[in-house]
Amino acid sequence: MAHYGLIEAGGTKFVLGIADETRNIAARHQVPTTTPQETLPACIDWFRQQGLSNPAAMGIASFGPLDLDRASPSWGHITRTPKPHWAGTDLVTPFAEAFGCPVAIDTDVNGAALSEHRWGAGVGFSSLLYLTIGTGIGGGFVGADGRLLRGLSHPEMGHIRVPRHAQDHNYAGFCPFHGDCLEGLTAGPAVKGRWGASLSDLPADHPAPGIIAWYLGQAICTFQAIMEPARIVLGGGVMHAPGILDKIRKAASEAGAGYFVGNPQDLVVPPALGDNAGLLGALALAMDEADG
């Protein structure tokens, strides 16, 4: 049975796994995200300690932005990330050389979209949009052909513009590139930047959850207008706040005003794969790479 090395590369930790085509994750481990010179060798060492040899492929679902153009000399590199030390890092070559196998790479949210479409909340649905709302915001879309949406590069859905909430005009936004884009207003650091705590730690009657849900409802209507996904999956740490999913559904319904085909009450759902979505995304990438 073929085995695959899996990497979910995040801004705070790299989650590693070894799995087979039945999606059995036989081993997993975490390595802190410090510098490339420390983190990548530590990942390679762990795979070797687990006895991984001759894997069919390695799959990397990573924070970005990434160069995903295979004709580019910097394919597989992290590009203009604000994460210190990581801009320009080649994520593919170290693992390709260490294990002598094909290596697939895509964004972490694209990987999660692929795994949820194939094995999770998107099973039986023609298309799926996955949005992660955490330290940053990202989105991945799988179309009716089962393929990820790509253009010159991967989508950057967290950087769309949204109108400002009536009670939220004084916050400039935390995005270093665009200030008050969707990510700059609703990601975890933006919540703490204005209210000093995560949504989960604020009092139940605090206005913050309603404001964040309003922004995300606006974004959902934007994505419905552009691609009309059959299912929208919302993941990430911000979504752990009690009651936030229902608030977002309500905000999206109000913003849509009955115009769009999908009803947010049925359309917008949590991930079905839970904490395995990232590693299974890496597995989906690796299996597709091995299959050519």
C-alpha atoms as a PDB file:
ATOM      1  CA  MET A   1       0.000   0.000   0.000  1.00  0.00           C
ATOM      2  CA  ALA A   2       1.329   3.430  -0.930  1.00  0.00           C
ATOM      3  CA  HIS A   3       2.259   5.867   1.834  1.00  0.00           C
ATOM      4  CA  TYR A   4       2.421   9.647   1.730  1.00  0.00           C
ATOM      5  CA  GLY A   5       4.196  12.294   3.767  1.00  0.00           C
ATOM      6  CA  LEU A   6       1.887  15.140   4.784  1.00  0.00           C
ATOM      7  CA  ILE A   7       2.712  18.686   5.855  1.00  0.00           C
ATOM      8  CA  GLU A   8       0.276  21.347   7.013  1.00  0.00           C
ATOM      9  CA  ALA A   9       2.575  24.359   7.198  1.00  0.00           C
ATOM     10  CA  GLY A  10       1.199  27.090   9.436  1.00  0.00           C
ATOM     11  CA  GLY A  11       2.476  30.366  10.756  1.00  0.00           C
ATOM     12  CA  THR A  12       2.898  29.014  14.300  1.00  0.00           C
ATOM     13  CA  LYS A  13       3.457  25.298  13.706  1.00  0.00           C
ATOM     14  CA  PHE A  14       4.026  22.676  11.025  1.00  0.00           C
ATOM     15  CA  VAL A  15       1.702  19.693  11.484  1.00  0.00           C
ATOM     16  CA  LEU A  16       3.191  16.521  10.020  1.00  0.00           C
ATOM     17  CA  GLY A  17       1.596  13.210   9.204  1.00  0.00           C
ATOM     18  CA  ILE A  18       2.021   9.910   7.400  1.00  0.00           C
ATOM     19  CA  ALA A  19      -1.009   8.354   5.738  1.00  0.00           C
ATOM     20  CA  ASP A  20      -2.095   5.852   3.126  1.00  0.00           C
ATOM     21  CA  GLU A  21      -4.745   6.109   0.420  1.00  0.00           C
ATOM     22  CA  THR A  22      -7.445   4.933   2.838  1.00  0.00           C
ATOM     23  CA  ARG A  23      -6.906   8.240   4.709  1.00  0.00           C
ATOM     24  CA  ASN A  24      -5.553   6.463   7.774  1.00  0.00           C
ATOM     25  CA  ILE A  25      -3.149   8.903   9.435  1.00  0.00           C
ATOM     26  CA  ALA A  26      -0.742   6.506  11.113  1.00  0.00           C
ATOM     27  CA  ALA A  27       1.455   9.120  12.795  1.00  0.00           C
ATOM     28  CA  ARG A  28       1.384  12.848  13.405  1.00  0.00           C
ATOM     29  CA  HIS A  29       3.655  15.432  14.967  1.00  0.00           C
ATOM     30  CA  GLN A  30       4.060  19.185  15.397  1.00  0.00           C
ATOM     31  CA  VAL A  31       7.151  21.303  14.802  1.00  0.00           C
ATOM     32  CA  PRO A  32       7.209  24.990  15.856  1.00  0.00           C
ATOM     33  CA  THR A  33       7.456  27.491  12.999  1.00  0.00           C
ATOM     34  CA  THR A  34      10.629  29.383  13.862  1.00  0.00           C
ATOM     35  CA  THR A  35      12.986  29.908  10.916  1.00  0.00           C
ATOM     36  CA  PRO A  36      13.252  27.847   7.726  1.00  0.00           C
ATOM     37  CA  GLN A  37      16.747  26.774   8.751  1.00  0.00           C
ATOM     38  CA  GLU A  38      15.361  25.219  11.939  1.00  0.00           C
ATOM     39  CA  THR A  39      11.860  24.138  10.974  1.00  0.00           C
ATOM     40  CA  LEU A  40      12.395  22.334   7.661  1.00  0.00           C
ATOM     41  CA  PRO A  41      15.285  20.091   8.850  1.00  0.00           C
ATOM     42  CA  ALA A  42      13.272  19.245  11.975  1.00  0.00           C
ATOM     43  CA  CYS A  43      10.386  18.108   9.759  1.00  0.00           C
ATOM     44  CA  ILE A  44      12.681  15.964   7.617  1.00  0.00           C
ATOM     45  CA  ASP A  45      14.248  14.417  10.723  1.00  0.00           C
ATOM     46  CA  TRP A  46      10.838  13.444  12.105  1.00  0.00           C
ATOM     47  CA  PHE A  47       9.770  11.736   8.881  1.00  0.00           C
ATOM     48  CA  ARG A  48      13.028   9.791   8.860  1.00  0.00           C
ATOM     49  CA  GLN A  49      12.601   8.806  12.513  1.00  0.00           C
ATOM     50  CA  GLN A  50       9.178   7.415  11.613  1.00  0.00           C
ATOM     51  CA  GLY A  51      10.788   5.223   8.974  1.00  0.00           C
ATOM     52  CA  LEU A  52       9.234   6.991   5.992  1.00  0.00           C
ATOM     53  CA  SER A  53      11.052   5.752   2.913  1.00  0.00           C
ATOM     54  CA  ASN A  54      10.080   5.694  -0.746  1.00  0.00           C
ATOM     55  CA  PRO A  55       6.825   7.612  -0.241  1.00  0.00           C
ATOM     56  CA  ALA A  56       4.585   7.767  -3.286  1.00  0.00           C
ATOM     57  CA  ALA A  57       4.552  11.555  -2.876  1.00  0.00           C
ATOM     58  CA  MET A  58       4.729  14.352  -0.328  1.00  0.00           C
ATOM     59  CA  GLY A  59       1.912  16.879   0.032  1.00  0.00           C
ATOM     60  CA  ILE A  60       2.385  20.373   1.452  1.00  0.00           C
ATOM     61  CA  ALA A  61      -0.588  22.592   2.346  1.00  0.00           C
ATOM     62  CA  SER A  62       1.046  25.842   3.409  1.00  0.00           C
ATOM     63  CA  PHE A  63       0.480  29.387   4.520  1.00  0.00           C
ATOM     64  CA  GLY A  64       1.261  31.799   1.735  1.00  0.00           C
ATOM     65  CA  PRO A  65       1.333  33.594  -0.504  1.00  0.00           C
ATOM     66  CA  LEU A  66       2.938  30.913  -2.698  1.00  0.00           C
ATOM     67  CA  ASP A  67       4.292  30.740  -6.231  1.00  0.00           C
ATOM     68  CA  LEU A  68       2.258  27.927  -7.796  1.00  0.00           C
ATOM     69  CA  ASP A  69       3.326  28.417 -11.405  1.00  0.00           C
ATOM     70  CA  ARG A  70       5.278  25.274 -12.272  1.00  0.00           C
ATOM     71  CA  ALA A  71       7.011  27.135 -15.115  1.00  0.00           C
ATOM     72  CA  SER A  72       8.392  29.691 -12.660  1.00  0.00           C
ATOM     73  CA  PRO A  73      11.914  29.353 -11.239  1.00  0.00           C
ATOM     74  CA  SER A  74      10.441  30.108  -7.824  1.00  0.00           C
ATOM     75  CA  TRP A  75       7.660  27.502  -7.975  1.00  0.00           C
ATOM     76  CA  GLY A  76       7.002  26.134  -4.513  1.00  0.00           C
ATOM     77  CA  HIS A  77       8.427  29.197  -2.783  1.00  0.00           C
ATOM     78  CA  ILE A  78       6.690  31.407  -0.239  1.00  0.00           C
ATOM     79  CA  THR A  79       6.553  34.899  -1.717  1.00  0.00           C
ATOM     80  CA  ARG A  80       5.661  38.199  -0.013  1.00  0.00           C
ATOM     81  CA  THR A  81       4.580  36.956   3.387  1.00  0.00           C
ATOM     82  CA  PRO A  82       4.819  39.299   6.386  1.00  0.00           C
ATOM     83  CA  LYS A  83       5.995  36.268   8.407  1.00  0.00           C
ATOM     84  CA  PRO A  84       9.591  37.088   9.438  1.00  0.00           C
ATOM     85  CA  HIS A  85      12.342  34.954   7.816  1.00  0.00           C
ATOM     86  CA  TRP A  86       9.994  33.078   5.459  1.00  0.00           C
ATOM     87  CA  ALA A  87       9.671  35.293   2.380  1.00  0.00           C
ATOM     88  CA  GLY A  88      11.416  33.567  -0.533  1.00  0.00           C
ATOM     89  CA  THR A  89      11.641  30.181   1.213  1.00  0.00           C
ATOM     90  CA  ASP A  90      11.678  27.103  -1.042  1.00  0.00           C
ATOM     91  CA  LEU A  91       9.346  24.570   0.602  1.00  0.00           C
ATOM     92  CA  VAL A  92       9.516  21.899  -2.097  1.00  0.00           C
ATOM     93  CA  THR A  93      13.182  21.199  -2.835  1.00  0.00           C
ATOM     94  CA  PRO A  94      14.268  20.137   0.684  1.00  0.00           C
ATOM     95  CA  PHE A  95      11.630  17.394   0.795  1.00  0.00           C
ATOM     96  CA  ALA A  96      12.066  16.333  -2.836  1.00  0.00           C
ATOM     97  CA  GLU A  97      15.805  15.883  -2.272  1.00  0.00           C
ATOM     98  CA  ALA A  98      15.416  14.195   1.118  1.00  0.00           C
ATOM     99  CA  PHE A  99      12.863  11.596  -0.025  1.00  0.00           C
ATOM    100  CA  GLY A 100      13.357  11.359  -3.793  1.00  0.00           C
ATOM    101  CA  CYS A 101       9.681  11.595  -4.598  1.00  0.00           C
ATOM    102  CA  PRO A 102       7.223  14.010  -6.223  1.00  0.00           C
ATOM    103  CA  VAL A 103       6.150  16.897  -4.001  1.00  0.00           C
ATOM    104  CA  ALA A 104       2.825  18.708  -4.371  1.00  0.00           C
ATOM    105  CA  ILE A 105       2.194  22.115  -2.843  1.00  0.00           C
ATOM    106  CA  ASP A 106      -0.750  24.449  -2.533  1.00  0.00           C
ATOM    107  CA  THR A 107      -2.157  26.843   0.026  1.00  0.00           C
ATOM    108  CA  ASP A 108      -3.456  25.461   3.290  1.00  0.00           C
ATOM    109  CA  VAL A 109      -6.950  26.692   2.537  1.00  0.00           C
ATOM    110  CA  ASN A 110      -6.896  25.187  -0.966  1.00  0.00           C
ATOM    111  CA  GLY A 111      -5.892  21.896   0.592  1.00  0.00           C
ATOM    112  CA  ALA A 112      -8.725  22.112   3.105  1.00  0.00           C
ATOM    113  CA  ALA A 113     -11.183  22.971   0.316  1.00  0.00           C
ATOM    114  CA  LEU A 114     -10.057  19.948  -1.670  1.00  0.00           C
ATOM    115  CA  SER A 115     -10.323  17.541   1.257  1.00  0.00           C
ATOM    116  CA  GLU A 116     -13.721  18.842   2.371  1.00  0.00           C
ATOM    117  CA  HIS A 117     -15.054  18.618  -1.193  1.00  0.00           C
ATOM    118  CA  ARG A 118     -13.703  15.107  -1.684  1.00  0.00           C
ATOM    119  CA  TRP A 119     -14.276  13.535   1.725  1.00  0.00           C
ATOM    120  CA  GLY A 120     -16.109  15.964   3.998  1.00  0.00           C
ATOM    121  CA  ALA A 121     -18.867  18.560   3.960  1.00  0.00           C
ATOM    122  CA  GLY A 122     -18.840  18.790   0.166  1.00  0.00           C
ATOM    123  CA  VAL A 123     -19.577  15.146  -0.591  1.00  0.00           C
ATOM    124  CA  GLY A 124     -22.563  15.029  -2.923  1.00  0.00           C
ATOM    125  CA  PHE A 125     -22.319  18.729  -3.797  1.00  0.00           C
ATOM    126  CA  SER A 126     -21.112  20.018  -7.161  1.00  0.00           C
ATOM    127  CA  SER A 127     -18.903  22.798  -5.809  1.00  0.00           C
ATOM    128  CA  LEU A 128     -17.498  24.048  -2.528  1.00  0.00           C
ATOM    129  CA  LEU A 129     -16.070  27.256  -1.129  1.00  0.00           C
ATOM    130  CA  TYR A 130     -13.870  26.910   1.965  1.00  0.00           C
ATOM    131  CA  LEU A 131     -13.130  30.011   4.030  1.00  0.00           C
ATOM    132  CA  THR A 132     -10.816  29.953   6.999  1.00  0.00           C
ATOM    133  CA  ILE A 133     -11.159  32.757   9.528  1.00  0.00           C
ATOM    134  CA  GLY A 134      -8.253  32.651  11.939  1.00  0.00           C
ATOM    135  CA  THR A 135      -4.947  34.494  12.241  1.00  0.00           C
ATOM    136  CA  GLY A 136      -5.583  35.416   8.608  1.00  0.00           C
ATOM    137  CA  ILE A 137      -8.407  34.812   6.178  1.00  0.00           C
ATOM    138  CA  GLY A 138      -8.118  32.654   3.094  1.00  0.00           C
ATOM    139  CA  GLY A 139     -10.438  30.977   0.659  1.00  0.00           C
ATOM    140  CA  GLY A 140     -10.345  28.039  -1.727  1.00  0.00           C
ATOM    141  CA  PHE A 141     -12.954  27.058  -4.309  1.00  0.00           C
ATOM    142  CA  VAL A 142     -13.461  23.632  -5.890  1.00  0.00           C
ATOM    143  CA  GLY A 143     -15.609  23.686  -9.021  1.00  0.00           C
ATOM    144  CA  ALA A 144     -17.936  21.141 -10.545  1.00  0.00           C
ATOM    145  CA  ASP A 145     -14.969  19.521 -12.300  1.00  0.00           C
ATOM    146  CA  GLY A 146     -13.351  18.775  -8.924  1.00  0.00           C
ATOM    147  CA  ARG A 147     -10.484  21.169  -9.596  1.00  0.00           C
ATOM    148  CA  LEU A 148      -9.283  24.099  -7.532  1.00  0.00           C
ATOM    149  CA  LEU A 149      -9.808  27.613  -8.843  1.00  0.00           C
ATOM    150  CA  ARG A 150      -6.557  29.146 -10.067  1.00  0.00           C
ATOM    151  CA  GLY A 151      -5.569  32.158 -12.138  1.00  0.00           C
ATOM    152  CA  LEU A 152      -2.130  33.736 -12.282  1.00  0.00           C
ATOM    153  CA  SER A 153      -1.791  32.418  -8.741  1.00  0.00           C
ATOM    154  CA  HIS A 154      -4.084  31.167  -5.982  1.00  0.00           C
ATOM    155  CA  PRO A 155      -7.083  33.214  -4.803  1.00  0.00           C
ATOM    156  CA  GLU A 156      -6.584  35.742  -1.993  1.00  0.00           C
ATOM    157  CA  MET A 157     -10.168  35.942  -0.805  1.00  0.00           C
ATOM    158  CA  GLY A 158      -9.264  37.519   2.524  1.00  0.00           C
ATOM    159  CA  HIS A 159      -8.212  40.691   0.743  1.00  0.00           C
ATOM    160  CA  ILE A 160     -11.541  41.666  -0.801  1.00  0.00           C
ATOM    161  CA  ARG A 161     -13.053  44.987   0.261  1.00  0.00           C
ATOM    162  CA  VAL A 162     -16.214  45.076   2.341  1.00  0.00           C
ATOM    163  CA  PRO A 163     -18.344  48.041   3.469  1.00  0.00           C
ATOM    164  CA  ARG A 164     -17.714  49.310   6.967  1.00  0.00           C
ATOM    165  CA  HIS A 165     -20.110  48.421   9.761  1.00  0.00           C
ATOM    166  CA  ALA A 166     -21.960  51.426  11.170  1.00  0.00           C
ATOM    167  CA  GLN A 167     -20.364  50.870  14.615  1.00  0.00           C
ATOM    168  CA  ASP A 168     -16.856  50.193  13.320  1.00  0.00           C
ATOM    169  CA  HIS A 169     -15.503  53.223  11.477  1.00  0.00           C
ATOM    170  CA  ASN A 170     -12.579  54.069  13.777  1.00  0.00           C
ATOM    171  CA  TYR A 171     -10.448  50.927  13.370  1.00  0.00           C
ATOM    172  CA  ALA A 172      -7.887  51.230  10.563  1.00  0.00           C
ATOM    173  CA  GLY A 173      -7.475  47.466  10.089  1.00  0.00           C
ATOM    174  CA  PHE A 174      -4.433  45.291  10.728  1.00  0.00           C
ATOM    175  CA  CYS A 175      -3.573  44.114   7.197  1.00  0.00           C
ATOM    176  CA  PRO A 176      -0.076  45.454   6.392  1.00  0.00           C
ATOM    177  CA  PHE A 177      -0.957  45.662   2.697  1.00  0.00           C
ATOM    178  CA  HIS A 178      -4.565  46.875   2.574  1.00  0.00           C
ATOM    179  CA  GLY A 179      -5.546  48.010   6.058  1.00  0.00           C
ATOM    180  CA  ASP A 180      -9.286  47.412   6.278  1.00  0.00           C
ATOM    181  CA  CYS A 181      -9.796  44.562   3.826  1.00  0.00           C
ATOM    182  CA  LEU A 182     -11.841  41.570   5.013  1.00  0.00           C
ATOM    183  CA  GLU A 183      -8.787  40.028   6.698  1.00  0.00           C
ATOM    184  CA  GLY A 184      -7.793  43.368   8.182  1.00  0.00           C
ATOM    185  CA  LEU A 185     -11.202  43.724   9.818  1.00  0.00           C
ATOM    186  CA  THR A 186     -12.276  40.220  10.832  1.00  0.00           C
ATOM    187  CA  ALA A 187      -9.261  37.942  11.398  1.00  0.00           C
ATOM    188  CA  GLY A 188      -8.174  37.072  14.924  1.00  0.00           C
ATOM    189  CA  PRO A 189      -5.587  39.879  15.276  1.00  0.00           C
ATOM    190  CA  ALA A 190      -8.164  42.431  14.127  1.00  0.00           C
ATOM    191  CA  VAL A 191     -10.574  41.264  16.837  1.00  0.00           C
ATOM    192  CA  LYS A 192      -7.901  41.535  19.535  1.00  0.00           C
ATOM    193  CA  GLY A 193      -6.673  44.817  18.063  1.00  0.00           C
ATOM    194  CA  ARG A 194      -9.957  46.555  18.784  1.00  0.00           C
ATOM    195  CA  TRP A 195     -11.400  44.679  21.744  1.00  0.00           C
ATOM    196  CA  GLY A 196      -8.347  43.212  23.489  1.00  0.00           C
ATOM    197  CA  ALA A 197      -9.514  39.592  23.442  1.00  0.00           C
ATOM    198  CA  SER A 198     -10.699  36.856  21.106  1.00  0.00           C
ATOM    199  CA  LEU A 199     -14.409  36.557  20.362  1.00  0.00           C
ATOM    200  CA  SER A 200     -14.613  33.487  22.579  1.00  0.00           C
ATOM    201  CA  ASP A 201     -13.268  35.433  25.562  1.00  0.00           C
ATOM    202  CA  LEU A 202     -15.538  38.469  25.275  1.00  0.00           C
ATOM    203  CA  PRO A 203     -18.778  38.767  27.312  1.00  0.00           C
ATOM    204  CA  ALA A 204     -21.852  37.182  25.763  1.00  0.00           C
ATOM    205  CA  ASP A 205     -23.538  40.569  25.259  1.00  0.00           C
ATOM    206  CA  HIS A 206     -20.508  42.206  23.611  1.00  0.00           C
ATOM    207  CA  PRO A 207     -21.191  43.774  20.177  1.00  0.00           C
ATOM    208  CA  ALA A 208     -18.021  42.305  18.591  1.00  0.00           C
ATOM    209  CA  PRO A 209     -19.498  38.954  17.424  1.00  0.00           C
ATOM    210  CA  GLY A 210     -22.346  40.737  15.688  1.00  0.00           C
ATOM    211  CA  ILE A 211     -19.957  43.113  13.924  1.00  0.00           C
ATOM    212  CA  ILE A 212     -17.630  40.321  12.777  1.00  0.00           C
ATOM    213  CA  ALA A 213     -20.608  38.234  11.624  1.00  0.00           C
ATOM    214  CA  TRP A 214     -21.934  41.216   9.653  1.00  0.00           C
ATOM    215  CA  TYR A 215     -18.643  41.529   7.771  1.00  0.00           C
ATOM    216  CA  LEU A 216     -18.533  37.816   7.024  1.00  0.00           C
ATOM    217  CA  GLY A 217     -22.156  37.879   5.875  1.00  0.00           C
ATOM    218  CA  GLN A 218     -21.244  40.628   3.412  1.00  0.00           C
ATOM    219  CA  ALA A 219     -18.319  38.533   2.169  1.00  0.00           C
ATOM    220  CA  ILE A 220     -20.492  35.446   1.697  1.00  0.00           C
ATOM    221  CA  CYS A 221     -22.868  37.446  -0.494  1.00  0.00           C
ATOM    222  CA  THR A 222     -19.908  38.668  -2.547  1.00  0.00           C
ATOM    223  CA  PHE A 223     -18.713  35.120  -3.127  1.00  0.00           C
ATOM    224  CA  GLN A 224     -22.239  33.952  -3.925  1.00  0.00           C
ATOM    225  CA  ALA A 225     -22.464  36.676  -6.558  1.00  0.00           C
ATOM    226  CA  ILE A 226     -19.158  35.637  -8.116  1.00  0.00           C
ATOM    227  CA  MET A 227     -19.310  31.827  -8.031  1.00  0.00           C
ATOM    228  CA  GLU A 228     -22.546  30.665  -6.374  1.00  0.00           C
ATOM    229  CA  PRO A 229     -21.012  27.684  -4.540  1.00  0.00           C
ATOM    230  CA  ALA A 230     -23.223  24.728  -3.693  1.00  0.00           C
ATOM    231  CA  ARG A 231     -21.714  24.639  -0.193  1.00  0.00           C
ATOM    232  CA  ILE A 232     -19.751  27.134   1.892  1.00  0.00           C
ATOM    233  CA  VAL A 233     -17.572  25.743   4.694  1.00  0.00           C
ATOM    234  CA  LEU A 234     -16.314  28.099   7.411  1.00  0.00           C
ATOM    235  CA  GLY A 235     -13.288  27.008   9.444  1.00  0.00           C
ATOM    236  CA  GLY A 236     -10.548  28.611  11.519  1.00  0.00           C
ATOM    237  CA  GLY A 237     -10.129  29.730  15.110  1.00  0.00           C
ATOM    238  CA  VAL A 238     -12.552  32.657  14.980  1.00  0.00           C
ATOM    239  CA  MET A 239     -15.317  30.174  14.166  1.00  0.00           C
ATOM    240  CA  HIS A 240     -14.908  28.587  17.613  1.00  0.00           C
ATOM    241  CA  ALA A 241     -16.727  31.536  19.202  1.00  0.00           C
ATOM    242  CA  PRO A 242     -20.080  30.374  20.609  1.00  0.00           C
ATOM    243  CA  GLY A 243     -23.000  31.141  18.316  1.00  0.00           C
ATOM    244  CA  ILE A 244     -20.913  32.828  15.619  1.00  0.00           C
ATOM    245  CA  LEU A 245     -22.006  30.488  12.813  1.00  0.00           C
ATOM    246  CA  ASP A 246     -25.702  31.271  13.337  1.00  0.00           C
ATOM    247  CA  LYS A 247     -24.927  34.994  13.468  1.00  0.00           C
ATOM    248  CA  ILE A 248     -23.057  34.756  10.155  1.00  0.00           C
ATOM    249  CA  ARG A 249     -25.899  32.817   8.519  1.00  0.00           C
ATOM    250  CA  LYS A 250     -28.386  35.448   9.673  1.00  0.00           C
ATOM    251  CA  ALA A 251     -26.168  38.307   8.459  1.00  0.00           C
ATOM    252  CA  ALA A 252     -25.689  36.650   5.068  1.00  0.00           C
ATOM    253  CA  SER A 253     -29.432  36.088   4.698  1.00  0.00           C
ATOM    254  CA  GLU A 254     -30.137  39.732   5.466  1.00  0.00           C
ATOM    255  CA  ALA A 255     -27.405  40.969   3.134  1.00  0.00           C
ATOM    256  CA  GLY A 256     -28.568  38.698   0.306  1.00  0.00           C
ATOM    257  CA  ALA A 257     -32.169  39.907   0.597  1.00  0.00           C
ATOM    258  CA  GLY A 258     -33.470  36.687  -0.975  1.00  0.00           C
ATOM    259  CA  TYR A 259     -31.680  37.282  -4.272  1.00  0.00           C
ATOM    260  CA  PHE A 260     -29.176  34.425  -4.399  1.00  0.00           C
ATOM    261  CA  VAL A 261     -29.925  30.779  -5.138  1.00  0.00           C
ATOM    262  CA  GLY A 262     -28.378  29.306  -2.005  1.00  0.00           C
ATOM    263  CA  ASN A 263     -30.040  29.892   1.373  1.00  0.00           C
ATOM    264  CA  PRO A 264     -27.278  30.590   3.947  1.00  0.00           C
ATOM    265  CA  GLN A 265     -29.216  28.688   6.602  1.00  0.00           C
ATOM    266  CA  ASP A 266     -28.574  25.476   4.640  1.00  0.00           C
ATOM    267  CA  LEU A 267     -25.591  26.552   2.558  1.00  0.00           C
ATOM    268  CA  VAL A 268     -23.101  27.680   5.229  1.00  0.00           C
ATOM    269  CA  VAL A 269     -21.714  24.831   7.344  1.00  0.00           C
ATOM    270  CA  PRO A 270     -18.749  23.980   9.585  1.00  0.00           C
ATOM    271  CA  PRO A 271     -15.977  21.650   8.397  1.00  0.00           C
ATOM    272  CA  ALA A 272     -16.835  17.954   8.518  1.00  0.00           C
ATOM    273  CA  LEU A 273     -13.230  16.781   8.809  1.00  0.00           C
ATOM    274  CA  GLY A 274     -12.410  18.767  11.933  1.00  0.00           C
ATOM    275  CA  ASP A 275      -8.750  18.944  12.866  1.00  0.00           C
ATOM    276  CA  ASN A 276      -7.859  16.520  10.055  1.00  0.00           C
ATOM    277  CA  ALA A 277      -8.904  18.882   7.237  1.00  0.00           C
ATOM    278  CA  GLY A 278      -5.409  20.325   6.797  1.00  0.00           C
ATOM    279  CA  LEU A 279      -3.504  17.037   6.772  1.00  0.00           C
ATOM    280  CA  LEU A 280      -6.122  15.408   4.555  1.00  0.00           C
ATOM    281  CA  GLY A 281      -5.764  18.375   2.231  1.00  0.00           C
ATOM    282  CA  ALA A 282      -2.057  17.616   2.008  1.00  0.00           C
ATOM    283  CA  LEU A 283      -2.976  13.976   1.345  1.00  0.00           C
ATOM    284  CA  ALA A 284      -5.344  14.936  -1.490  1.00  0.00           C
ATOM    285  CA  LEU A 285      -2.580  17.018  -3.064  1.00  0.00           C
ATOM    286  CA  ALA A 286      -0.054  14.203  -2.669  1.00  0.00           C
ATOM    287  CA  MET A 287      -2.370  11.547  -4.102  1.00  0.00           C
ATOM    288  CA  ASP A 288      -3.166  13.719  -7.122  1.00  0.00           C
ATOM    289  CA  GLU A 289       0.563  14.327  -7.656  1.00  0.00           C
ATOM    290  CA  ALA A 290       1.346  10.622  -7.481  1.00  0.00           C
ATOM    291  CA  ASP A 291      -1.430   9.920  -9.992  1.00  0.00           C
ATOM    292  CA  GLY A 292       0.029  12.480 -12.378  1.00  0.00           C
END
